Amino acid sequence: MDAKDSNGNILNDGDSVTLIKDLKVRGSSVTIKRGTVVKKIRLTEDADEVDCRINGSSIVLRTEFLKKV
């Protein structure tokens, strides 16, 4: 099972990615803006999701909204 970004590049633990779309965080009034760089992602058991930390919060992001840096 390979996790791939929106362009089809394979993602690995510790990679840096950029968001390609503004995303609203569920249960919060926070919006993560397009172009935000996320460092040190962690792969999950689901190939379509990665775990990361943004502004001190642990968040799970869908790989379809990410682009490898």
Protein backbone atom coordinates (compact mmCIF):
# COMPACT_ATOMS: atom_id res chain seq x y z
CA MET A 1 0.00 0.00 0.00
CA ASP A 2 1.64 3.23 -1.15
CA ALA A 3 0.35 6.64 -0.08
CA LYS A 4 0.38 9.04 -3.03
CA ASP A 5 -0.11 12.80 -3.21
CA SER A 6 -2.40 14.60 -5.65
CA ASN A 7 0.21 14.33 -8.43
CA GLY A 8 0.89 10.62 -7.92
CA ASN A 9 4.21 11.00 -6.07
CA ILE A 10 4.81 8.41 -3.35
CA LEU A 11 4.80 9.83 0.19
CA ASN A 12 7.09 8.57 2.97
CA ASP A 13 7.30 9.18 6.73
CA GLY A 14 9.03 12.49 7.42
CA ASP A 15 8.27 14.11 4.04
CA SER A 16 7.22 17.74 3.71
CA VAL A 17 4.02 18.52 1.80
CA THR A 18 2.07 21.60 0.72
CA LEU A 19 -1.72 21.98 0.87
CA ILE A 20 -3.33 22.59 -2.53
CA LYS A 21 -6.72 23.73 -1.17
CA ASP A 22 -8.08 25.71 1.81
CA LEU A 23 -9.36 23.19 4.36
CA LYS A 24 -11.79 23.78 7.23
CA VAL A 25 -11.06 21.79 10.37
CA ARG A 26 -14.11 19.92 11.67
CA GLY A 27 -15.23 20.89 15.16
CA SER A 28 -13.24 24.12 15.05
CA SER A 29 -13.39 27.54 13.45
CA VAL A 30 -9.86 27.11 12.08
CA THR A 31 -9.16 27.12 8.33
CA ILE A 32 -5.83 25.85 7.03
CA LYS A 33 -4.84 27.98 4.04
CA ARG A 34 -3.67 26.77 0.64
CA GLY A 35 0.12 26.80 0.34
CA THR A 36 0.73 25.87 3.99
CA VAL A 37 3.84 23.68 4.26
CA VAL A 38 3.47 20.70 6.58
CA LYS A 39 6.72 19.07 7.71
CA LYS A 40 7.34 15.57 9.08
CA ILE A 41 4.16 13.80 8.03
CA ARG A 42 3.43 10.31 9.37
CA LEU A 43 1.71 7.65 7.29
CA THR A 44 -1.33 5.89 8.74
CA GLU A 45 -2.82 2.46 8.12
CA ASP A 46 -5.11 4.08 5.55
CA ALA A 47 -3.22 4.91 2.32
CA ASP A 48 -5.49 7.94 1.72
CA GLU A 49 -4.64 9.70 5.02
CA VAL A 50 -1.55 11.10 6.74
CA ASP A 51 -1.10 12.34 10.29
CA CYS A 52 0.69 15.64 10.95
CA ARG A 53 0.99 18.57 13.33
CA ILE A 54 -0.19 22.05 12.31
CA ASN A 55 0.03 24.94 14.79
CA GLY A 56 0.54 22.49 17.67
CA SER A 57 -2.55 20.40 16.84
CA SER A 58 -2.41 16.83 15.56
CA ILE A 59 -4.51 16.59 12.38
CA VAL A 60 -5.25 13.84 9.86
CA LEU A 61 -5.22 15.06 6.24
CA ARG A 62 -6.41 13.37 3.07
CA THR A 63 -3.60 12.80 0.56
CA GLU A 64 -5.74 14.14 -2.31
CA PHE A 65 -5.19 17.68 -0.92
CA LEU A 66 -1.40 17.39 -0.59
CA LYS A 67 1.53 18.00 -2.92
CA LYS A 68 5.03 16.73 -2.10
CA VAL A 69 7.66 19.47 -1.73
